[in-house]
Amino acid sequence: MNIAIIGSGHIGGTLGKIWAAQGHLVTFGSRDPQSERMRTLLESIGPNAAAASVKEAAAFGNIVVLAVPGTEIERVLEEAGDLKRKIVVNATILFDGRSADAEVRRIANGARVVRAFHTSMWEALANPLFGVANATLFMSGEDEEAKQIVLRLGEEAGFDMVDVGGPEAMAEIEKALFSFWTALSPQFGRDYAIRVLRREESQPS
């Protein structure tokens, strides 16, 4: 699968490294694809990764992952150009009271937006296994086929993926997680995660 990742920081770089190792072709979209920082990242990943402009990367990807600061959402989506019918995975976070999910869905008009990979610390993205359990990540969206594709990518990255439904449900999850992180981070730092335990549905006799 061709995956464009707009952003090459902790989240984008970590996901790109994981998916390239799984055999996907990853292109990072950057304002400076020839920078020393980008060259170092590509060398650490190997031949399945490349860098290009935001527009070139978005054109390359069947899936476009937004892994930029929330303040950059509008700029990078304008640079990306036409995203109609592409799967856009929104991993951004806004801290100014606006909904990052609503902003991406508004600007990326016609894209198949899935909200995912933003409900854990990046340290858990790099290593989702805690003892015998892997970390849970929450995802949401309105396009069921797109969500299934993103769910499989999350499972390839080692996560227990939970589809919470649509944007309204994710908004409630995000509020709860913010309180959770605020309460627990002073004790545990950043390298911890959530695991949702559920019983298997009973099989009909």
N, C-alpha and C. Protein backbone atom coordinates (compact mmCIF):
# COMPACT_ATOMS: atom_id res chain seq x y z
N MET A 1 0.84 -1.19 0.00
CA MET A 1 0.00 0.00 0.00
C MET A 1 0.88 1.25 0.00
N ASN A 2 0.46 2.27 -0.72
CA ASN A 2 1.19 3.54 -0.74
C ASN A 2 0.63 4.46 0.35
N ILE A 3 1.49 4.83 1.29
CA ILE A 3 1.07 5.65 2.42
C ILE A 3 1.84 6.96 2.42
N ALA A 4 1.11 8.08 2.41
CA ALA A 4 1.73 9.39 2.56
C ALA A 4 1.58 9.81 4.02
N ILE A 5 2.66 10.27 4.61
CA ILE A 5 2.61 10.77 5.97
C ILE A 5 3.04 12.23 5.95
N ILE A 6 2.11 13.10 6.28
CA ILE A 6 2.41 14.53 6.31
C ILE A 6 2.84 14.86 7.73
N GLY A 7 4.12 15.05 7.89
CA GLY A 7 4.71 15.23 9.21
C GLY A 7 5.69 14.12 9.50
N SER A 8 6.84 14.47 10.05
CA SER A 8 7.88 13.46 10.28
C SER A 8 8.43 13.53 11.70
N GLY A 9 7.60 14.02 12.62
CA GLY A 9 8.00 14.06 14.02
C GLY A 9 7.82 12.72 14.69
N HIS A 10 7.59 12.74 16.00
CA HIS A 10 7.50 11.49 16.75
C HIS A 10 6.41 10.57 16.21
N ILE A 11 5.21 11.11 15.99
CA ILE A 11 4.10 10.26 15.55
C ILE A 11 4.29 9.82 14.11
N GLY A 12 4.49 10.78 13.21
CA GLY A 12 4.64 10.44 11.79
C GLY A 12 5.84 9.57 11.53
N GLY A 13 6.97 9.91 12.14
CA GLY A 13 8.19 9.13 11.93
C GLY A 13 8.06 7.71 12.46
N THR A 14 7.44 7.56 13.62
CA THR A 14 7.27 6.24 14.21
C THR A 14 6.35 5.36 13.36
N LEU A 15 5.21 5.91 12.95
CA LEU A 15 4.28 5.13 12.13
C LEU A 15 4.91 4.78 10.78
N GLY A 16 5.62 5.73 10.19
CA GLY A 16 6.27 5.45 8.91
C GLY A 16 7.28 4.33 9.01
N LYS A 17 8.04 4.31 10.08
CA LYS A 17 9.04 3.26 10.27
C LYS A 17 8.37 1.89 10.41
N ILE A 18 7.28 1.85 11.17
CA ILE A 18 6.58 0.58 11.38
C ILE A 18 5.99 0.06 10.07
N TRP A 19 5.30 0.93 9.34
CA TRP A 19 4.62 0.47 8.12
C TRP A 19 5.61 0.13 7.01
N ALA A 20 6.71 0.86 6.92
CA ALA A 20 7.73 0.51 5.93
C ALA A 20 8.31 -0.87 6.22
N ALA A 21 8.49 -1.17 7.51
CA ALA A 21 9.00 -2.50 7.89
C ALA A 21 8.02 -3.60 7.54
N GLN A 22 6.71 -3.25 7.44
CA GLN A 22 5.68 -4.22 7.05
C GLN A 22 5.57 -4.37 5.53
N GLY A 23 6.38 -3.61 4.79
CA GLY A 23 6.39 -3.74 3.34
C GLY A 23 5.61 -2.68 2.60
N HIS A 24 4.99 -1.74 3.31
CA HIS A 24 4.29 -0.64 2.64
C HIS A 24 5.30 0.39 2.14
N LEU A 25 4.92 1.11 1.12
CA LEU A 25 5.75 2.20 0.60
C LEU A 25 5.29 3.49 1.24
N VAL A 26 6.21 4.17 1.92
CA VAL A 26 5.88 5.36 2.70
C VAL A 26 6.60 6.57 2.12
N THR A 27 5.85 7.65 1.87
CA THR A 27 6.46 8.91 1.46
C THR A 27 6.06 9.99 2.46
N PHE A 28 7.06 10.64 3.03
CA PHE A 28 6.82 11.73 3.97
C PHE A 28 6.66 13.04 3.20
N GLY A 29 5.61 13.78 3.52
CA GLY A 29 5.42 15.09 2.94
C GLY A 29 6.01 16.15 3.85
N SER A 30 6.86 17.00 3.30
CA SER A 30 7.60 17.96 4.13
C SER A 30 7.81 19.26 3.38
N ARG A 31 7.93 20.35 4.14
CA ARG A 31 8.30 21.62 3.52
C ARG A 31 9.75 21.59 3.04
N ASP A 32 10.57 20.73 3.64
CA ASP A 32 11.98 20.63 3.26
C ASP A 32 12.37 19.16 3.19
N PRO A 33 11.99 18.48 2.10
CA PRO A 33 12.26 17.04 2.01
C PRO A 33 13.74 16.68 1.90
N GLN A 34 14.59 17.67 1.63
CA GLN A 34 16.02 17.41 1.51
C GLN A 34 16.79 17.75 2.78
N SER A 35 16.10 18.05 3.86
CA SER A 35 16.77 18.48 5.09
C SER A 35 17.60 17.35 5.68
N GLU A 36 18.56 17.71 6.49
CA GLU A 36 19.40 16.71 7.15
C GLU A 36 18.57 15.83 8.08
N ARG A 37 17.61 16.43 8.75
CA ARG A 37 16.74 15.66 9.65
C ARG A 37 15.95 14.61 8.88
N MET A 38 15.46 14.98 7.71
CA MET A 38 14.71 14.03 6.91
C MET A 38 15.63 12.93 6.38
N ARG A 39 16.81 13.28 5.95
CA ARG A 39 17.75 12.27 5.46
C ARG A 39 18.08 11.26 6.56
N THR A 40 18.24 11.76 7.78
CA THR A 40 18.53 10.86 8.90
C THR A 40 17.37 9.91 9.14
N LEU A 41 16.15 10.44 9.08
CA LEU A 41 14.97 9.60 9.28
C LEU A 41 14.88 8.52 8.20
N LEU A 42 15.07 8.90 6.94
CA LEU A 42 14.97 7.94 5.84
C LEU A 42 16.04 6.87 5.95
N GLU A 43 17.24 7.25 6.35
CA GLU A 43 18.31 6.26 6.52
C GLU A 43 17.98 5.25 7.61
N SER A 44 17.27 5.72 8.65
CA SER A 44 16.91 4.82 9.74
C SER A 44 15.79 3.86 9.35
N ILE A 45 15.03 4.20 8.31
CA ILE A 45 13.90 3.37 7.90
C ILE A 45 14.27 2.38 6.81
N GLY A 46 15.00 2.84 5.81
CA GLY A 46 15.40 1.95 4.74
C GLY A 46 14.72 2.25 3.42
N PRO A 47 14.80 1.33 2.45
CA PRO A 47 14.43 1.61 1.07
C PRO A 47 12.94 1.80 0.83
N ASN A 48 12.07 1.44 1.77
CA ASN A 48 10.64 1.60 1.55
C ASN A 48 10.14 3.00 1.90
N ALA A 49 11.04 3.91 2.23
CA ALA A 49 10.64 5.26 2.62
C ALA A 49 11.30 6.30 1.73
N ALA A 50 10.57 7.38 1.46
CA ALA A 50 11.08 8.50 0.66
C ALA A 50 10.48 9.78 1.21
N ALA A 51 10.95 10.91 0.68
CA ALA A 51 10.42 12.21 1.10
C ALA A 51 10.12 13.04 -0.13
N ALA A 52 9.12 13.89 -0.03
CA ALA A 52 8.70 14.74 -1.14
C ALA A 52 7.98 15.96 -0.56
N SER A 53 7.53 16.81 -1.44
CA SER A 53 6.70 17.93 -0.98
C SER A 53 5.37 17.38 -0.48
N VAL A 54 4.64 18.21 0.25
CA VAL A 54 3.33 17.78 0.76
C VAL A 54 2.41 17.40 -0.39
N LYS A 55 2.39 18.19 -1.44
CA LYS A 55 1.52 17.92 -2.59
C LYS A 55 1.91 16.63 -3.28
N GLU A 56 3.21 16.41 -3.48
CA GLU A 56 3.68 15.19 -4.14
C GLU A 56 3.38 13.95 -3.30
N ALA A 57 3.58 14.07 -2.00
CA ALA A 57 3.30 12.93 -1.12
C ALA A 57 1.82 12.59 -1.13
N ALA A 58 0.97 13.61 -1.05
CA ALA A 58 -0.48 13.37 -1.04
C ALA A 58 -0.94 12.72 -2.33
N ALA A 59 -0.34 13.11 -3.45
CA ALA A 59 -0.69 12.49 -4.73
C ALA A 59 -0.26 11.03 -4.77
N PHE A 60 0.85 10.71 -4.11
CA PHE A 60 1.38 9.35 -4.09
C PHE A 60 0.52 8.40 -3.25
N GLY A 61 0.00 8.87 -2.14
CA GLY A 61 -0.60 7.99 -1.16
C GLY A 61 -2.03 7.58 -1.48
N ASN A 62 -2.32 6.28 -1.34
CA ASN A 62 -3.71 5.84 -1.26
C ASN A 62 -4.31 6.28 0.06
N ILE A 63 -3.44 6.33 1.07
CA ILE A 63 -3.80 6.79 2.40
C ILE A 63 -2.90 7.97 2.74
N VAL A 64 -3.49 9.03 3.28
CA VAL A 64 -2.74 10.22 3.67
C VAL A 64 -2.91 10.41 5.17
N VAL A 65 -1.82 10.32 5.90
CA VAL A 65 -1.85 10.45 7.35
C VAL A 65 -1.40 11.85 7.74
N LEU A 66 -2.24 12.56 8.49
CA LEU A 66 -1.89 13.89 8.99
C LEU A 66 -1.30 13.73 10.38
N ALA A 67 0.00 14.01 10.51
CA ALA A 67 0.68 13.88 11.79
C ALA A 67 1.47 15.16 12.05
N VAL A 68 0.76 16.28 12.01
CA VAL A 68 1.38 17.60 12.19
C VAL A 68 0.74 18.27 13.41
N PRO A 69 1.37 19.32 13.95
CA PRO A 69 0.71 20.08 15.01
C PRO A 69 -0.63 20.61 14.53
N GLY A 70 -1.58 20.75 15.44
CA GLY A 70 -2.90 21.21 15.07
C GLY A 70 -2.92 22.55 14.37
N THR A 71 -1.96 23.39 14.71
CA THR A 71 -1.89 24.71 14.09
C THR A 71 -1.52 24.65 12.61
N GLU A 72 -1.03 23.50 12.15
CA GLU A 72 -0.60 23.35 10.77
C GLU A 72 -1.65 22.69 9.88
N ILE A 73 -2.79 22.32 10.44
CA ILE A 73 -3.80 21.56 9.69
C ILE A 73 -4.19 22.28 8.41
N GLU A 74 -4.59 23.53 8.52
CA GLU A 74 -5.09 24.24 7.34
C GLU A 74 -4.02 24.40 6.28
N ARG A 75 -2.79 24.73 6.72
CA ARG A 75 -1.71 24.93 5.75
C ARG A 75 -1.41 23.65 4.98
N VAL A 76 -1.25 22.53 5.68
CA VAL A 76 -0.84 21.32 4.97
C VAL A 76 -1.96 20.77 4.09
N LEU A 77 -3.21 20.95 4.51
CA LEU A 77 -4.30 20.47 3.67
C LEU A 77 -4.43 21.32 2.41
N GLU A 78 -4.16 22.60 2.51
CA GLU A 78 -4.15 23.44 1.31
C GLU A 78 -3.02 23.03 0.39
N GLU A 79 -1.85 22.74 0.95
CA GLU A 79 -0.71 22.31 0.14
C GLU A 79 -0.96 20.94 -0.50
N ALA A 80 -1.68 20.09 0.20
CA ALA A 80 -1.91 18.73 -0.30
C ALA A 80 -2.75 18.72 -1.57
N GLY A 81 -3.66 19.68 -1.72
CA GLY A 81 -4.48 19.73 -2.92
C GLY A 81 -5.69 18.81 -2.81
N ASP A 82 -6.12 18.29 -3.94
CA ASP A 82 -7.36 17.51 -4.02
C ASP A 82 -7.21 16.16 -3.31
N LEU A 83 -8.00 15.95 -2.26
CA LEU A 83 -7.97 14.69 -1.52
C LEU A 83 -9.27 13.92 -1.65
N LYS A 84 -10.09 14.27 -2.61
CA LYS A 84 -11.39 13.62 -2.77
C LYS A 84 -11.22 12.11 -2.94
N ARG A 85 -11.99 11.37 -2.14
CA ARG A 85 -12.05 9.91 -2.13
C ARG A 85 -10.80 9.26 -1.54
N LYS A 86 -9.78 10.03 -1.19
CA LYS A 86 -8.63 9.43 -0.51
C LYS A 86 -8.98 9.20 0.95
N ILE A 87 -8.35 8.20 1.54
CA ILE A 87 -8.49 7.99 2.98
C ILE A 87 -7.51 8.92 3.69
N VAL A 88 -8.05 9.83 4.49
CA VAL A 88 -7.22 10.77 5.25
C VAL A 88 -7.31 10.38 6.72
N VAL A 89 -6.19 9.99 7.29
CA VAL A 89 -6.13 9.59 8.69
C VAL A 89 -5.67 10.79 9.51
N ASN A 90 -6.54 11.25 10.39
CA ASN A 90 -6.27 12.45 11.17
C ASN A 90 -5.70 12.08 12.53
N ALA A 91 -4.40 12.31 12.72
CA ALA A 91 -3.74 12.04 14.00
C ALA A 91 -3.33 13.32 14.70
N THR A 92 -3.93 14.45 14.30
CA THR A 92 -3.55 15.74 14.86
C THR A 92 -4.33 16.03 16.14
N ILE A 93 -3.83 17.03 16.88
CA ILE A 93 -4.49 17.46 18.12
C ILE A 93 -4.50 18.98 18.14
N LEU A 94 -5.65 19.55 18.49
CA LEU A 94 -5.78 21.00 18.69
C LEU A 94 -5.97 21.29 20.17
N PHE A 95 -5.35 22.38 20.64
CA PHE A 95 -5.45 22.73 22.05
C PHE A 95 -6.15 24.07 22.27
N ASP A 96 -6.86 24.57 21.26
CA ASP A 96 -7.48 25.90 21.38
C ASP A 96 -8.99 25.83 21.50
N GLY A 97 -9.50 24.67 21.86
CA GLY A 97 -10.94 24.53 22.03
C GLY A 97 -11.68 24.06 20.80
N ARG A 98 -11.05 24.11 19.63
CA ARG A 98 -11.69 23.62 18.42
C ARG A 98 -11.49 22.10 18.30
N SER A 99 -12.31 21.49 17.48
CA SER A 99 -12.19 20.05 17.24
C SER A 99 -11.28 19.81 16.04
N ALA A 100 -10.17 19.09 16.26
CA ALA A 100 -9.29 18.75 15.14
C ALA A 100 -10.01 17.89 14.13
N ASP A 101 -10.91 17.04 14.60
CA ASP A 101 -11.67 16.17 13.71
C ASP A 101 -12.56 17.01 12.80
N ALA A 102 -13.29 17.95 13.39
CA ALA A 102 -14.20 18.78 12.60
C ALA A 102 -13.43 19.65 11.60
N GLU A 103 -12.26 20.16 12.02
CA GLU A 103 -11.47 21.00 11.13
C GLU A 103 -11.00 20.23 9.90
N VAL A 104 -10.50 19.03 10.11
CA VAL A 104 -10.01 18.23 8.98
C VAL A 104 -11.16 17.86 8.05
N ARG A 105 -12.28 17.45 8.62
CA ARG A 105 -13.43 17.08 7.78
C ARG A 105 -13.96 18.29 7.01
N ARG A 106 -13.86 19.46 7.60
CA ARG A 106 -14.32 20.67 6.90
C ARG A 106 -13.39 21.04 5.74
N ILE A 107 -12.09 21.01 5.99
CA ILE A 107 -11.14 21.48 4.99
C ILE A 107 -10.90 20.44 3.91
N ALA A 108 -10.78 19.16 4.33
CA ALA A 108 -10.52 18.08 3.36
C ALA A 108 -11.85 17.59 2.81
N ASN A 109 -12.59 18.47 2.19
CA ASN A 109 -13.93 18.17 1.70
C ASN A 109 -13.88 17.05 0.67
N GLY A 110 -14.68 16.01 0.89
CA GLY A 110 -14.71 14.89 -0.05
C GLY A 110 -13.77 13.77 0.29
N ALA A 111 -12.88 13.98 1.27
CA ALA A 111 -11.98 12.90 1.70
C ALA A 111 -12.72 11.93 2.62
N ARG A 112 -12.19 10.74 2.71
CA ARG A 112 -12.76 9.71 3.61
C ARG A 112 -11.95 9.77 4.91
N VAL A 113 -12.41 10.60 5.84
CA VAL A 113 -11.61 10.93 7.02
C VAL A 113 -11.83 9.90 8.13
N VAL A 114 -10.71 9.41 8.66
CA VAL A 114 -10.73 8.50 9.81
C VAL A 114 -9.87 9.13 10.89
N ARG A 115 -10.42 9.22 12.08
CA ARG A 115 -9.68 9.76 13.23
C ARG A 115 -8.99 8.61 13.94
N ALA A 116 -7.65 8.66 14.04
CA ALA A 116 -6.92 7.54 14.65
C ALA A 116 -5.49 7.95 14.97
N PHE A 117 -4.82 7.13 15.79
CA PHE A 117 -3.41 7.26 16.15
C PHE A 117 -3.11 8.53 16.95
N HIS A 118 -4.10 9.05 17.65
CA HIS A 118 -3.90 10.24 18.47
C HIS A 118 -4.27 10.01 19.93
N THR A 119 -4.67 8.79 20.28
CA THR A 119 -5.16 8.54 21.63
C THR A 119 -4.17 7.81 22.51
N SER A 120 -2.88 7.95 22.20
CA SER A 120 -1.85 7.44 23.10
C SER A 120 -0.63 8.34 22.97
N MET A 121 0.26 8.23 23.92
CA MET A 121 1.55 8.91 23.82
C MET A 121 2.34 8.29 22.67
N TRP A 122 3.24 9.06 22.07
CA TRP A 122 3.98 8.52 20.95
C TRP A 122 4.90 7.38 21.38
N GLU A 123 5.29 7.39 22.66
CA GLU A 123 6.13 6.29 23.14
C GLU A 123 5.42 4.94 23.02
N ALA A 124 4.10 4.95 23.20
CA ALA A 124 3.35 3.71 23.04
C ALA A 124 3.21 3.33 21.58
N LEU A 125 3.22 4.32 20.68
CA LEU A 125 3.22 4.00 19.26
C LEU A 125 4.48 3.23 18.89
N ALA A 126 5.60 3.66 19.47
CA ALA A 126 6.88 3.02 19.15
C ALA A 126 6.96 1.60 19.72
N ASN A 127 6.29 1.37 20.84
CA ASN A 127 6.32 0.04 21.46
C ASN A 127 5.00 -0.20 22.17
N PRO A 128 4.00 -0.74 21.47
CA PRO A 128 2.66 -0.89 22.05
C PRO A 128 2.49 -2.08 22.98
N LEU A 129 3.53 -2.88 23.18
CA LEU A 129 3.41 -4.07 24.02
C LEU A 129 3.81 -3.74 25.45
N PHE A 130 2.88 -4.01 26.39
CA PHE A 130 3.12 -3.80 27.81
C PHE A 130 2.92 -5.16 28.49
N GLY A 131 4.01 -5.85 28.77
CA GLY A 131 3.89 -7.20 29.27
C GLY A 131 3.30 -8.08 28.19
N VAL A 132 2.19 -8.75 28.52
CA VAL A 132 1.56 -9.64 27.54
C VAL A 132 0.43 -8.94 26.79
N ALA A 133 0.13 -7.70 27.13
CA ALA A 133 -0.99 -6.98 26.51
C ALA A 133 -0.49 -5.85 25.62
N ASN A 134 -1.18 -5.65 24.50
CA ASN A 134 -0.85 -4.51 23.65
C ASN A 134 -1.83 -3.37 23.90
N ALA A 135 -1.37 -2.16 23.66
CA ALA A 135 -2.16 -0.96 23.96
C ALA A 135 -3.36 -0.84 23.04
N THR A 136 -4.43 -0.27 23.57
CA THR A 136 -5.63 0.03 22.79
C THR A 136 -5.52 1.42 22.18
N LEU A 137 -5.88 1.52 20.90
CA LEU A 137 -6.05 2.81 20.24
C LEU A 137 -7.50 2.92 19.78
N PHE A 138 -8.06 4.13 19.93
CA PHE A 138 -9.43 4.37 19.52
C PHE A 138 -9.46 5.03 18.15
N MET A 139 -10.46 4.68 17.35
CA MET A 139 -10.61 5.26 16.03
C MET A 139 -12.08 5.55 15.77
N SER A 140 -12.34 6.48 14.84
CA SER A 140 -13.72 6.82 14.50
C SER A 140 -13.78 7.30 13.06
N GLY A 141 -14.98 7.36 12.53
CA GLY A 141 -15.19 7.84 11.17
C GLY A 141 -16.56 7.45 10.68
N GLU A 142 -16.89 7.95 9.50
CA GLU A 142 -18.21 7.68 8.94
C GLU A 142 -18.17 6.76 7.73
N ASP A 143 -16.98 6.42 7.26
CA ASP A 143 -16.81 5.55 6.10
C ASP A 143 -16.34 4.19 6.59
N GLU A 144 -17.21 3.20 6.56
CA GLU A 144 -16.89 1.90 7.16
C GLU A 144 -15.73 1.20 6.45
N GLU A 145 -15.68 1.28 5.14
CA GLU A 145 -14.58 0.63 4.41
C GLU A 145 -13.25 1.28 4.76
N ALA A 146 -13.23 2.61 4.83
CA ALA A 146 -12.00 3.31 5.19
C ALA A 146 -11.56 2.93 6.59
N LYS A 147 -12.50 2.83 7.52
CA LYS A 147 -12.14 2.46 8.88
C LYS A 147 -11.55 1.06 8.95
N GLN A 148 -12.06 0.14 8.16
CA GLN A 148 -11.51 -1.22 8.17
C GLN A 148 -10.06 -1.23 7.68
N ILE A 149 -9.76 -0.42 6.69
CA ILE A 149 -8.38 -0.35 6.18
C ILE A 149 -7.46 0.23 7.25
N VAL A 150 -7.90 1.29 7.91
CA VAL A 150 -7.09 1.90 8.97
C VAL A 150 -6.96 0.95 10.16
N LEU A 151 -8.02 0.24 10.47
CA LEU A 151 -7.97 -0.74 11.56
C LEU A 151 -6.88 -1.78 11.29
N ARG A 152 -6.81 -2.27 10.05
CA ARG A 152 -5.78 -3.27 9.72
C ARG A 152 -4.38 -2.67 9.84
N LEU A 153 -4.21 -1.42 9.43
CA LEU A 153 -2.90 -0.77 9.57
C LEU A 153 -2.53 -0.63 11.04
N GLY A 154 -3.51 -0.31 11.87
CA GLY A 154 -3.24 -0.22 13.30
C GLY A 154 -2.86 -1.55 13.90
N GLU A 155 -3.54 -2.61 13.46
CA GLU A 155 -3.20 -3.94 13.96
C GLU A 155 -1.81 -4.36 13.48
N GLU A 156 -1.44 -3.98 12.25
CA GLU A 156 -0.09 -4.27 11.77
C GLU A 156 0.96 -3.57 12.63
N ALA A 157 0.60 -2.39 13.14
CA ALA A 157 1.52 -1.64 13.99
C ALA A 157 1.56 -2.17 15.42
N GLY A 158 0.74 -3.18 15.70
CA GLY A 158 0.81 -3.85 16.99
C GLY A 158 -0.25 -3.45 17.99
N PHE A 159 -1.29 -2.73 17.56
CA PHE A 159 -2.29 -2.21 18.48
C PHE A 159 -3.57 -3.02 18.52
N ASP A 160 -4.24 -2.91 19.64
CA ASP A 160 -5.61 -3.37 19.81
C ASP A 160 -6.49 -2.19 19.39
N MET A 161 -7.11 -2.29 18.23
CA MET A 161 -7.88 -1.17 17.68
C MET A 161 -9.35 -1.28 18.08
N VAL A 162 -9.91 -0.18 18.57
CA VAL A 162 -11.31 -0.12 18.96
C VAL A 162 -12.00 0.96 18.15
N ASP A 163 -12.98 0.57 17.37
CA ASP A 163 -13.79 1.51 16.58
C ASP A 163 -14.92 2.00 17.48
N VAL A 164 -14.91 3.30 17.80
CA VAL A 164 -15.93 3.83 18.72
C VAL A 164 -17.15 4.36 17.98
N GLY A 165 -17.11 4.36 16.63
CA GLY A 165 -18.26 4.84 15.86
C GLY A 165 -17.94 6.12 15.12
N GLY A 166 -18.78 7.13 15.31
CA GLY A 166 -18.64 8.39 14.57
C GLY A 166 -17.95 9.48 15.37
N PRO A 167 -17.90 10.69 14.80
CA PRO A 167 -17.18 11.80 15.42
C PRO A 167 -17.69 12.18 16.80
N GLU A 168 -18.99 12.08 17.03
CA GLU A 168 -19.53 12.47 18.34
C GLU A 168 -19.00 11.56 19.44
N ALA A 169 -18.94 10.27 19.17
CA ALA A 169 -18.41 9.33 20.16
C ALA A 169 -16.94 9.60 20.43
N MET A 170 -16.17 9.88 19.37
CA MET A 170 -14.75 10.16 19.56
C MET A 170 -14.55 11.42 20.40
N ALA A 171 -15.40 12.42 20.22
CA ALA A 171 -15.28 13.64 21.02
C ALA A 171 -15.40 13.32 22.51
N GLU A 172 -16.30 12.41 22.86
CA GLU A 172 -16.45 12.03 24.26
C GLU A 172 -15.24 11.25 24.75
N ILE A 173 -14.71 10.37 23.91
CA ILE A 173 -13.50 9.62 24.26
C ILE A 173 -12.34 10.58 24.52
N GLU A 174 -12.18 11.57 23.65
CA GLU A 174 -11.08 12.52 23.79
C GLU A 174 -11.18 13.30 25.10
N LYS A 175 -12.39 13.71 25.48
CA LYS A 175 -12.56 14.41 26.76
C LYS A 175 -12.15 13.53 27.93
N ALA A 176 -12.59 12.27 27.88
CA ALA A 176 -12.25 11.36 28.97
C ALA A 176 -10.75 11.10 29.03
N LEU A 177 -10.12 10.93 27.88
CA LEU A 177 -8.69 10.65 27.86
C LEU A 177 -7.88 11.84 28.35
N PHE A 178 -8.33 13.05 28.04
CA PHE A 178 -7.61 14.24 28.53
C PHE A 178 -7.59 14.25 30.05
N SER A 179 -8.73 13.93 30.67
CA SER A 179 -8.78 13.87 32.13
C SER A 179 -7.90 12.75 32.65
N PHE A 180 -7.92 11.63 31.96
CA PHE A 180 -7.11 10.47 32.35
C PHE A 180 -5.63 10.82 32.33
N TRP A 181 -5.18 11.40 31.21
CA TRP A 181 -3.76 11.76 31.09
C TRP A 181 -3.37 12.80 32.13
N THR A 182 -4.22 13.79 32.36
CA THR A 182 -3.93 14.84 33.33
C THR A 182 -3.72 14.26 34.72
N ALA A 183 -4.54 13.25 35.06
CA ALA A 183 -4.46 12.65 36.38
C ALA A 183 -3.27 11.71 36.54
N LEU A 184 -2.94 10.93 35.50
CA LEU A 184 -1.95 9.87 35.64
C LEU A 184 -0.54 10.23 35.20
N SER A 185 -0.41 11.19 34.30
CA SER A 185 0.94 11.50 33.78
C SER A 185 1.92 11.93 34.86
N PRO A 186 1.50 12.69 35.90
CA PRO A 186 2.48 13.02 36.95
C PRO A 186 3.06 11.79 37.63
N GLN A 187 2.30 10.70 37.68
CA GLN A 187 2.77 9.48 38.34
C GLN A 187 3.55 8.58 37.39
N PHE A 188 3.06 8.44 36.14
CA PHE A 188 3.63 7.45 35.22
C PHE A 188 4.48 8.06 34.11
N GLY A 189 4.54 9.37 34.02
CA GLY A 189 5.29 9.98 32.93
C GLY A 189 4.54 9.83 31.61
N ARG A 190 5.25 9.43 30.56
CA ARG A 190 4.63 9.33 29.23
C ARG A 190 4.53 7.90 28.70
N ASP A 191 5.31 7.01 29.24
CA ASP A 191 5.36 5.66 28.66
C ASP A 191 4.36 4.73 29.33
N TYR A 192 3.07 5.00 29.11
CA TYR A 192 2.01 4.13 29.58
C TYR A 192 0.87 4.20 28.58
N ALA A 193 -0.08 3.30 28.71
CA ALA A 193 -1.16 3.24 27.72
C ALA A 193 -2.42 2.64 28.34
N ILE A 194 -3.50 2.69 27.57
CA ILE A 194 -4.78 2.12 27.98
C ILE A 194 -5.00 0.80 27.26
N ARG A 195 -5.58 -0.15 27.97
CA ARG A 195 -6.03 -1.39 27.35
C ARG A 195 -7.49 -1.60 27.72
N VAL A 196 -8.34 -1.77 26.73
CA VAL A 196 -9.75 -2.04 26.96
C VAL A 196 -9.95 -3.55 27.02
N LEU A 197 -10.41 -4.04 28.16
CA LEU A 197 -10.67 -5.45 28.33
C LEU A 197 -12.15 -5.72 28.07
N ARG A 198 -12.45 -6.67 27.22
CA ARG A 198 -13.84 -7.02 26.95
C ARG A 198 -13.94 -8.53 26.79
N ARG A 199 -15.10 -9.04 27.12
CA ARG A 199 -15.34 -10.47 27.02
C ARG A 199 -15.72 -10.82 25.59
N GLU A 200 -15.27 -11.98 25.14
CA GLU A 200 -15.65 -12.45 23.82
C GLU A 200 -17.15 -12.70 23.79
N GLU A 201 -17.78 -12.35 22.67
CA GLU A 201 -19.20 -12.61 22.55
C GLU A 201 -19.44 -14.13 22.55
N SER A 202 -20.44 -14.56 23.28
CA SER A 202 -20.73 -15.99 23.33
C SER A 202 -21.23 -16.48 21.98
N GLN A 203 -20.79 -17.64 21.61
CA GLN A 203 -21.17 -18.24 20.34
C GLN A 203 -22.53 -18.94 20.47
N PRO A 204 -23.38 -18.85 19.45
CA PRO A 204 -24.68 -19.56 19.54
C PRO A 204 -24.47 -21.06 19.63
N SER A 205 -25.31 -21.72 20.43
CA SER A 205 -25.18 -23.17 20.62
C SER A 205 -25.85 -23.89 19.45
